[in-house]
Amino acid sequence: MADDNDEIILSELDDEDLVQQMFDDLYDGLKEEIEEGVNILLERGWEPYRVLTEALVGGMTIVGRDFRDGILFVPEVLLAANAMKGGMAILKPLLADTGARTIGKMVIGTVKGDIHDIGKNLVGMMMEGAGFEIIDLGINNPVENYLGALKEHDADILGMSALLTTTMPYMKVVIDTMVEQGIRDDYVVLVGGAPLNEEFGKAIGADAYCRDAAVAVETAKEFMARKHNQARAG
């Protein structure tokens, strides 16, 4: 990390050093510096998708790895994700104009009866940082909210979160409804939350239980890679 006494002028750095500095700034949760770095790279002729993948996703990959390894903690990751969002706000309209494809689309929300959202928000931010498009339904979601959003946004993944043992079983209600409607196999279903475990995920018919945001990103990437490979093979 840079010494506070050595003021770094981002515009004076070459591209490679600027990207490295942006990795540091993301790690430190410096939103204004990230926004400035994004604008400088765009002014230098970088494609929006290249800025996203090389500077932002590259930086968040380091954050995600250190979070998984216990070097960073939730407050620090939230700061990094907030800085990432500042950069994303600049890139999003440009990416839409160029028709750049995201890795995949994920509908995420806390289940009916549960109003806890810190874990869900962290997963959403980290997924966005990895190049996914996120449709966040917020808290207290009945089955209709999930299924409606999956259909409306042509999503790939459904993510459900619960922090209360009393609301955990509602995840099965959602999955059972998907089975009844014949749409279960159309989506990857990931579940998470403090009281859950792998056995519970299997028992309710989810594709995977994700113990934290870093695992959720890795798992989602694996499933999307598999899906793209199958599509190519087909």
C-alpha atoms as a PDB file:
ATOM      1  CA  MET A   1       0.000   0.000   0.000  1.00  0.00           C
ATOM      2  CA  ALA A   2       1.178   3.523  -0.699  1.00  0.00           C
ATOM      3  CA  ASP A   3       2.633   5.701   2.047  1.00  0.00           C
ATOM      4  CA  ASP A   4       0.132   8.408   3.022  1.00  0.00           C
ATOM      5  CA  ASN A   5       2.869  11.034   2.719  1.00  0.00           C
ATOM      6  CA  ASP A   6       3.540  10.130  -0.915  1.00  0.00           C
ATOM      7  CA  GLU A   7       0.602  11.644  -2.766  1.00  0.00           C
ATOM      8  CA  ILE A   8      -0.010   9.574  -5.869  1.00  0.00           C
ATOM      9  CA  ILE A   9      -1.282  11.443  -8.925  1.00  0.00           C
ATOM     10  CA  LEU A  10      -3.181   8.772 -10.799  1.00  0.00           C
ATOM     11  CA  SER A  11      -3.052  10.547 -14.148  1.00  0.00           C
ATOM     12  CA  GLU A  12       0.765  10.480 -14.078  1.00  0.00           C
ATOM     13  CA  LEU A  13       0.929   6.670 -13.816  1.00  0.00           C
ATOM     14  CA  ASP A  14       1.249   4.498 -16.904  1.00  0.00           C
ATOM     15  CA  ASP A  15      -1.573   2.022 -17.573  1.00  0.00           C
ATOM     16  CA  GLU A  16       0.035  -0.933 -15.820  1.00  0.00           C
ATOM     17  CA  ASP A  17       0.937   1.047 -12.692  1.00  0.00           C
ATOM     18  CA  LEU A  18      -2.492   2.700 -12.655  1.00  0.00           C
ATOM     19  CA  VAL A  19      -4.248  -0.683 -12.659  1.00  0.00           C
ATOM     20  CA  GLN A  20      -1.984  -1.870  -9.817  1.00  0.00           C
ATOM     21  CA  GLN A  21      -2.771   1.312  -7.890  1.00  0.00           C
ATOM     22  CA  MET A  22      -6.483   0.712  -8.466  1.00  0.00           C
ATOM     23  CA  PHE A  23      -6.070  -2.760  -6.973  1.00  0.00           C
ATOM     24  CA  ASP A  24      -4.633  -1.076  -3.850  1.00  0.00           C
ATOM     25  CA  ASP A  25      -7.359   1.581  -3.810  1.00  0.00           C
ATOM     26  CA  LEU A  26     -10.105  -1.042  -4.117  1.00  0.00           C
ATOM     27  CA  TYR A  27      -8.508  -3.034  -1.316  1.00  0.00           C
ATOM     28  CA  ASP A  28      -8.558   0.115   0.840  1.00  0.00           C
ATOM     29  CA  GLY A  29     -12.142   1.002  -0.143  1.00  0.00           C
ATOM     30  CA  LEU A  30     -11.240   4.361  -1.758  1.00  0.00           C
ATOM     31  CA  LYS A  31     -14.294   5.102  -3.898  1.00  0.00           C
ATOM     32  CA  GLU A  32     -13.261   8.504  -5.317  1.00  0.00           C
ATOM     33  CA  GLU A  33      -9.863   7.178  -6.395  1.00  0.00           C
ATOM     34  CA  ILE A  34     -11.518   4.224  -8.149  1.00  0.00           C
ATOM     35  CA  GLU A  35     -13.909   6.549  -9.995  1.00  0.00           C
ATOM     36  CA  GLU A  36     -10.956   8.718 -11.043  1.00  0.00           C
ATOM     37  CA  GLY A  37      -8.975   5.678 -12.191  1.00  0.00           C
ATOM     38  CA  VAL A  38     -11.888   4.378 -14.275  1.00  0.00           C
ATOM     39  CA  ASN A  39     -12.292   7.759 -15.973  1.00  0.00           C
ATOM     40  CA  ILE A  40      -8.559   8.011 -16.733  1.00  0.00           C
ATOM     41  CA  LEU A  41      -8.494   4.556 -18.357  1.00  0.00           C
ATOM     42  CA  LEU A  42     -11.570   5.397 -20.438  1.00  0.00           C
ATOM     43  CA  GLU A  43      -9.960   8.679 -21.546  1.00  0.00           C
ATOM     44  CA  ARG A  44      -6.900   6.685 -22.626  1.00  0.00           C
ATOM     45  CA  GLY A  45      -9.071   4.641 -24.942  1.00  0.00           C
ATOM     46  CA  TRP A  46      -9.659   1.524 -22.855  1.00  0.00           C
ATOM     47  CA  GLU A  47     -12.866  -0.343 -23.734  1.00  0.00           C
ATOM     48  CA  PRO A  48     -15.368  -0.320 -20.822  1.00  0.00           C
ATOM     49  CA  TYR A  49     -15.300  -4.130 -20.646  1.00  0.00           C
ATOM     50  CA  ARG A  50     -11.501  -4.111 -20.342  1.00  0.00           C
ATOM     51  CA  VAL A  51     -11.668  -1.580 -17.490  1.00  0.00           C
ATOM     52  CA  LEU A  52     -14.258  -3.776 -15.761  1.00  0.00           C
ATOM     53  CA  THR A  53     -12.369  -7.057 -16.085  1.00  0.00           C
ATOM     54  CA  GLU A  54      -8.745  -5.961 -15.706  1.00  0.00           C
ATOM     55  CA  ALA A  55      -9.024  -3.145 -13.148  1.00  0.00           C
ATOM     56  CA  LEU A  56     -12.214  -3.750 -11.140  1.00  0.00           C
ATOM     57  CA  VAL A  57     -12.801  -7.502 -11.301  1.00  0.00           C
ATOM     58  CA  GLY A  58      -9.050  -8.044 -11.034  1.00  0.00           C
ATOM     59  CA  GLY A  59      -8.945  -5.977  -7.844  1.00  0.00           C
ATOM     60  CA  MET A  60     -12.045  -7.553  -6.322  1.00  0.00           C
ATOM     61  CA  THR A  61     -10.602 -11.019  -6.973  1.00  0.00           C
ATOM     62  CA  ILE A  62      -7.779 -10.145  -4.567  1.00  0.00           C
ATOM     63  CA  VAL A  63     -10.300  -8.809  -2.026  1.00  0.00           C
ATOM     64  CA  GLY A  64     -12.404 -11.973  -2.357  1.00  0.00           C
ATOM     65  CA  ARG A  65      -9.395 -14.253  -1.917  1.00  0.00           C
ATOM     66  CA  ASP A  66      -8.217 -12.441   1.223  1.00  0.00           C
ATOM     67  CA  PHE A  67     -11.771 -12.453   2.624  1.00  0.00           C
ATOM     68  CA  ARG A  68     -11.954 -16.218   2.061  1.00  0.00           C
ATOM     69  CA  ASP A  69      -8.565 -16.670   3.763  1.00  0.00           C
ATOM     70  CA  GLY A  70      -9.539 -14.599   6.805  1.00  0.00           C
ATOM     71  CA  ILE A  71      -7.165 -11.695   6.057  1.00  0.00           C
ATOM     72  CA  LEU A  72     -10.011  -9.265   5.370  1.00  0.00           C
ATOM     73  CA  PHE A  73     -13.308  -9.061   7.262  1.00  0.00           C
ATOM     74  CA  VAL A  74     -16.863  -8.057   6.381  1.00  0.00           C
ATOM     75  CA  PRO A  75     -16.561  -4.275   7.090  1.00  0.00           C
ATOM     76  CA  GLU A  76     -13.447  -4.027   4.874  1.00  0.00           C
ATOM     77  CA  VAL A  77     -15.041  -6.051   2.090  1.00  0.00           C
ATOM     78  CA  LEU A  78     -18.149  -3.845   2.202  1.00  0.00           C
ATOM     79  CA  LEU A  79     -15.914  -0.777   1.793  1.00  0.00           C
ATOM     80  CA  ALA A  80     -14.120  -2.380  -1.158  1.00  0.00           C
ATOM     81  CA  ALA A  81     -17.449  -3.360  -2.723  1.00  0.00           C
ATOM     82  CA  ASN A  82     -18.732   0.182  -2.291  1.00  0.00           C
ATOM     83  CA  ALA A  83     -15.645   1.534  -4.079  1.00  0.00           C
ATOM     84  CA  MET A  84     -16.249  -1.012  -6.833  1.00  0.00           C
ATOM     85  CA  LYS A  85     -19.829   0.237  -7.145  1.00  0.00           C
ATOM     86  CA  GLY A  86     -18.518   3.755  -7.767  1.00  0.00           C
ATOM     87  CA  GLY A  87     -16.529   2.471 -10.731  1.00  0.00           C
ATOM     88  CA  MET A  88     -19.421   0.307 -11.928  1.00  0.00           C
ATOM     89  CA  ALA A  89     -21.775   3.295 -11.959  1.00  0.00           C
ATOM     90  CA  ILE A  90     -19.554   4.912 -14.607  1.00  0.00           C
ATOM     91  CA  LEU A  91     -19.133   1.719 -16.637  1.00  0.00           C
ATOM     92  CA  LYS A  92     -22.685   0.337 -16.574  1.00  0.00           C
ATOM     93  CA  PRO A  93     -24.247   2.668 -19.167  1.00  0.00           C
ATOM     94  CA  LEU A  94     -21.178   2.292 -21.403  1.00  0.00           C
ATOM     95  CA  LEU A  95     -21.288  -1.505 -21.142  1.00  0.00           C
ATOM     96  CA  ALA A  96     -24.993  -1.465 -22.010  1.00  0.00           C
ATOM     97  CA  ASP A  97     -24.240   0.625 -25.130  1.00  0.00           C
ATOM     98  CA  THR A  98     -21.575  -1.822 -26.294  1.00  0.00           C
ATOM     99  CA  GLY A  99     -23.770  -4.834 -25.543  1.00  0.00           C
ATOM    100  CA  ALA A 100     -21.012  -6.425 -23.449  1.00  0.00           C
ATOM    101  CA  ARG A 101     -22.102  -9.757 -22.064  1.00  0.00           C
ATOM    102  CA  THR A 102     -22.027 -10.367 -18.323  1.00  0.00           C
ATOM    103  CA  ILE A 103     -20.920 -13.750 -16.974  1.00  0.00           C
ATOM    104  CA  GLY A 104     -24.509 -14.429 -15.948  1.00  0.00           C
ATOM    105  CA  LYS A 105     -27.581 -13.010 -14.220  1.00  0.00           C
ATOM    106  CA  MET A 106     -28.459 -13.720 -10.608  1.00  0.00           C
ATOM    107  CA  VAL A 107     -31.684 -13.023  -8.741  1.00  0.00           C
ATOM    108  CA  ILE A 108     -30.924 -12.743  -5.020  1.00  0.00           C
ATOM    109  CA  GLY A 109     -33.078 -12.086  -1.974  1.00  0.00           C
ATOM    110  CA  THR A 110     -33.707 -12.944   1.686  1.00  0.00           C
ATOM    111  CA  VAL A 111     -36.601 -15.362   2.170  1.00  0.00           C
ATOM    112  CA  LYS A 112     -40.104 -14.635   3.460  1.00  0.00           C
ATOM    113  CA  GLY A 113     -40.212 -13.824   7.163  1.00  0.00           C
ATOM    114  CA  ASP A 114     -36.542 -12.831   7.320  1.00  0.00           C
ATOM    115  CA  ILE A 115     -35.344  -9.222   7.297  1.00  0.00           C
ATOM    116  CA  HIS A 116     -31.578  -9.789   7.547  1.00  0.00           C
ATOM    117  CA  ASP A 117     -29.619  -8.569   4.564  1.00  0.00           C
ATOM    118  CA  ILE A 118     -25.951  -7.880   5.369  1.00  0.00           C
ATOM    119  CA  GLY A 119     -24.797 -11.292   4.107  1.00  0.00           C
ATOM    120  CA  LYS A 120     -27.044 -11.063   1.053  1.00  0.00           C
ATOM    121  CA  ASN A 121     -25.795  -7.573   0.234  1.00  0.00           C
ATOM    122  CA  LEU A 122     -22.199  -8.730   0.511  1.00  0.00           C
ATOM    123  CA  VAL A 123     -22.842 -11.650  -1.855  1.00  0.00           C
ATOM    124  CA  GLY A 124     -24.570  -9.307  -4.318  1.00  0.00           C
ATOM    125  CA  MET A 125     -21.696  -6.833  -4.293  1.00  0.00           C
ATOM    126  CA  MET A 126     -19.044  -9.532  -4.634  1.00  0.00           C
ATOM    127  CA  MET A 127     -20.963 -11.188  -7.483  1.00  0.00           C
ATOM    128  CA  GLU A 128     -21.259  -7.844  -9.250  1.00  0.00           C
ATOM    129  CA  GLY A 129     -17.546  -7.371  -8.695  1.00  0.00           C
ATOM    130  CA  ALA A 130     -16.964 -10.696 -10.460  1.00  0.00           C
ATOM    131  CA  GLY A 131     -18.912  -9.584 -13.537  1.00  0.00           C
ATOM    132  CA  PHE A 132     -22.410 -10.899 -12.805  1.00  0.00           C
ATOM    133  CA  GLU A 133     -25.576  -8.873 -13.273  1.00  0.00           C
ATOM    134  CA  ILE A 134     -27.469  -8.803  -9.975  1.00  0.00           C
ATOM    135  CA  ILE A 135     -31.207  -8.403  -9.460  1.00  0.00           C
ATOM    136  CA  ASP A 136     -31.540  -7.797  -5.706  1.00  0.00           C
ATOM    137  CA  LEU A 137     -35.075  -8.382  -4.384  1.00  0.00           C
ATOM    138  CA  GLY A 138     -34.249  -7.219  -0.865  1.00  0.00           C
ATOM    139  CA  ILE A 139     -35.769  -8.918   2.202  1.00  0.00           C
ATOM    140  CA  ASN A 140     -38.888 -10.908   3.137  1.00  0.00           C
ATOM    141  CA  ASN A 141     -39.510 -12.468  -0.274  1.00  0.00           C
ATOM    142  CA  PRO A 142     -42.413 -14.840  -0.960  1.00  0.00           C
ATOM    143  CA  VAL A 143     -42.057 -17.471  -3.677  1.00  0.00           C
ATOM    144  CA  GLU A 144     -43.835 -15.270  -6.256  1.00  0.00           C
ATOM    145  CA  ASN A 145     -41.108 -12.616  -6.011  1.00  0.00           C
ATOM    146  CA  TYR A 146     -38.351 -15.079  -6.821  1.00  0.00           C
ATOM    147  CA  LEU A 147     -40.133 -16.836  -9.677  1.00  0.00           C
ATOM    148  CA  GLY A 148     -41.392 -13.586 -11.198  1.00  0.00           C
ATOM    149  CA  ALA A 149     -37.904 -12.053 -11.186  1.00  0.00           C
ATOM    150  CA  LEU A 150     -36.268 -15.179 -12.643  1.00  0.00           C
ATOM    151  CA  LYS A 151     -38.681 -15.107 -15.560  1.00  0.00           C
ATOM    152  CA  GLU A 152     -38.716 -11.338 -16.073  1.00  0.00           C
ATOM    153  CA  HIS A 153     -34.926 -10.989 -16.146  1.00  0.00           C
ATOM    154  CA  ASP A 154     -34.173 -14.308 -17.881  1.00  0.00           C
ATOM    155  CA  ALA A 155     -31.808 -15.116 -15.016  1.00  0.00           C
ATOM    156  CA  ASP A 156     -29.344 -17.988 -14.701  1.00  0.00           C
ATOM    157  CA  ILE A 157     -29.025 -18.242 -10.936  1.00  0.00           C
ATOM    158  CA  LEU A 158     -31.334 -17.923  -7.925  1.00  0.00           C
ATOM    159  CA  GLY A 159     -29.665 -17.027  -4.622  1.00  0.00           C
ATOM    160  CA  MET A 160     -31.642 -17.306  -1.380  1.00  0.00           C
ATOM    161  CA  SER A 161     -30.478 -16.169   2.045  1.00  0.00           C
ATOM    162  CA  ALA A 162     -31.806 -16.779   5.576  1.00  0.00           C
ATOM    163  CA  LEU A 163     -30.413 -15.920   8.988  1.00  0.00           C
ATOM    164  CA  LEU A 164     -33.184 -17.399  11.144  1.00  0.00           C
ATOM    165  CA  THR A 165     -33.680 -21.128  11.692  1.00  0.00           C
ATOM    166  CA  THR A 166     -37.428 -20.468  11.479  1.00  0.00           C
ATOM    167  CA  THR A 167     -37.193 -19.052   7.944  1.00  0.00           C
ATOM    168  CA  MET A 168     -34.756 -21.615   6.518  1.00  0.00           C
ATOM    169  CA  PRO A 169     -37.505 -24.106   5.543  1.00  0.00           C
ATOM    170  CA  TYR A 170     -39.064 -21.500   3.233  1.00  0.00           C
ATOM    171  CA  MET A 171     -36.195 -22.130   0.818  1.00  0.00           C
ATOM    172  CA  LYS A 172     -37.640 -25.612   0.264  1.00  0.00           C
ATOM    173  CA  VAL A 173     -41.055 -24.077  -0.463  1.00  0.00           C
ATOM    174  CA  VAL A 174     -39.490 -22.035  -3.263  1.00  0.00           C
ATOM    175  CA  ILE A 175     -37.567 -24.990  -4.719  1.00  0.00           C
ATOM    176  CA  ASP A 176     -40.601 -27.315  -4.464  1.00  0.00           C
ATOM    177  CA  THR A 177     -42.704 -24.721  -6.309  1.00  0.00           C
ATOM    178  CA  MET A 178     -40.072 -24.549  -9.057  1.00  0.00           C
ATOM    179  CA  VAL A 179     -40.218 -28.354  -9.350  1.00  0.00           C
ATOM    180  CA  GLU A 180     -44.042 -28.295  -9.507  1.00  0.00           C
ATOM    181  CA  GLN A 181     -43.930 -25.692 -12.284  1.00  0.00           C
ATOM    182  CA  GLY A 182     -41.343 -27.710 -14.222  1.00  0.00           C
ATOM    183  CA  ILE A 183     -38.730 -24.931 -14.140  1.00  0.00           C
ATOM    184  CA  ARG A 184     -36.307 -26.230 -11.489  1.00  0.00           C
ATOM    185  CA  ASP A 185     -33.734 -27.432 -14.012  1.00  0.00           C
ATOM    186  CA  ASP A 186     -33.726 -24.069 -15.798  1.00  0.00           C
ATOM    187  CA  TYR A 187     -31.853 -22.357 -12.962  1.00  0.00           C
ATOM    188  CA  VAL A 188     -28.909 -22.854 -10.639  1.00  0.00           C
ATOM    189  CA  VAL A 189     -30.097 -22.481  -7.025  1.00  0.00           C
ATOM    190  CA  LEU A 190     -27.557 -21.331  -4.421  1.00  0.00           C
ATOM    191  CA  VAL A 191     -28.437 -20.949  -0.735  1.00  0.00           C
ATOM    192  CA  GLY A 192     -26.598 -19.371   2.166  1.00  0.00           C
ATOM    193  CA  GLY A 193     -26.895 -17.914   5.656  1.00  0.00           C
ATOM    194  CA  ALA A 194     -25.440 -18.487   9.112  1.00  0.00           C
ATOM    195  CA  PRO A 195     -27.685 -21.380  10.275  1.00  0.00           C
ATOM    196  CA  LEU A 196     -27.402 -23.349   7.008  1.00  0.00           C
ATOM    197  CA  ASN A 197     -24.970 -26.114   6.135  1.00  0.00           C
ATOM    198  CA  GLU A 198     -24.172 -28.382   3.214  1.00  0.00           C
ATOM    199  CA  GLU A 199     -26.528 -31.135   4.400  1.00  0.00           C
ATOM    200  CA  PHE A 200     -29.438 -28.704   4.561  1.00  0.00           C
ATOM    201  CA  GLY A 201     -28.677 -27.449   1.055  1.00  0.00           C
ATOM    202  CA  LYS A 202     -28.744 -31.008  -0.290  1.00  0.00           C
ATOM    203  CA  ALA A 203     -31.885 -31.915   1.656  1.00  0.00           C
ATOM    204  CA  ILE A 204     -33.944 -29.080   0.168  1.00  0.00           C
ATOM    205  CA  GLY A 205     -32.704 -29.701  -3.385  1.00  0.00           C
ATOM    206  CA  ALA A 206     -30.423 -26.684  -3.863  1.00  0.00           C
ATOM    207  CA  ASP A 207     -27.493 -26.966  -6.277  1.00  0.00           C
ATOM    208  CA  ALA A 208     -25.045 -25.725  -3.652  1.00  0.00           C
ATOM    209  CA  TYR A 209     -24.717 -24.253  -0.173  1.00  0.00           C
ATOM    210  CA  CYS A 210     -22.302 -21.310  -0.047  1.00  0.00           C
ATOM    211  CA  ARG A 211     -20.834 -20.564   3.362  1.00  0.00           C
ATOM    212  CA  ASP A 212     -19.739 -17.019   2.454  1.00  0.00           C
ATOM    213  CA  ALA A 213     -19.641 -14.480  -0.360  1.00  0.00           C
ATOM    214  CA  ALA A 214     -16.279 -15.602  -1.729  1.00  0.00           C
ATOM    215  CA  VAL A 215     -17.498 -19.202  -2.023  1.00  0.00           C
ATOM    216  CA  ALA A 216     -20.720 -17.970  -3.664  1.00  0.00           C
ATOM    217  CA  VAL A 217     -18.715 -16.204  -6.384  1.00  0.00           C
ATOM    218  CA  GLU A 218     -16.490 -19.227  -7.032  1.00  0.00           C
ATOM    219  CA  THR A 219     -19.482 -21.593  -7.106  1.00  0.00           C
ATOM    220  CA  ALA A 220     -21.500 -19.363  -9.441  1.00  0.00           C
ATOM    221  CA  LYS A 221     -18.529 -19.041 -11.817  1.00  0.00           C
ATOM    222  CA  GLU A 222     -18.122 -22.834 -11.903  1.00  0.00           C
ATOM    223  CA  PHE A 223     -21.798 -23.393 -12.714  1.00  0.00           C
ATOM    224  CA  MET A 224     -21.781 -20.735 -15.453  1.00  0.00           C
ATOM    225  CA  ALA A 225     -18.615 -22.186 -17.017  1.00  0.00           C
ATOM    226  CA  ARG A 226     -20.289 -25.593 -17.030  1.00  0.00           C
ATOM    227  CA  LYS A 227     -23.418 -24.133 -18.609  1.00  0.00           C
ATOM    228  CA  HIS A 228     -21.432 -22.409 -21.381  1.00  0.00           C
ATOM    229  CA  ASN A 229     -19.474 -25.602 -22.062  1.00  0.00           C
ATOM    230  CA  GLN A 230     -22.690 -27.607 -22.343  1.00  0.00           C
ATOM    231  CA  ALA A 231     -24.153 -24.989 -24.684  1.00  0.00           C
ATOM    232  CA  ARG A 232     -21.056 -25.216 -26.898  1.00  0.00           C
ATOM    233  CA  ALA A 233     -21.157 -29.013 -26.843  1.00  0.00           C
ATOM    234  CA  GLY A 234     -24.853 -28.966 -27.741  1.00  0.00           C
END
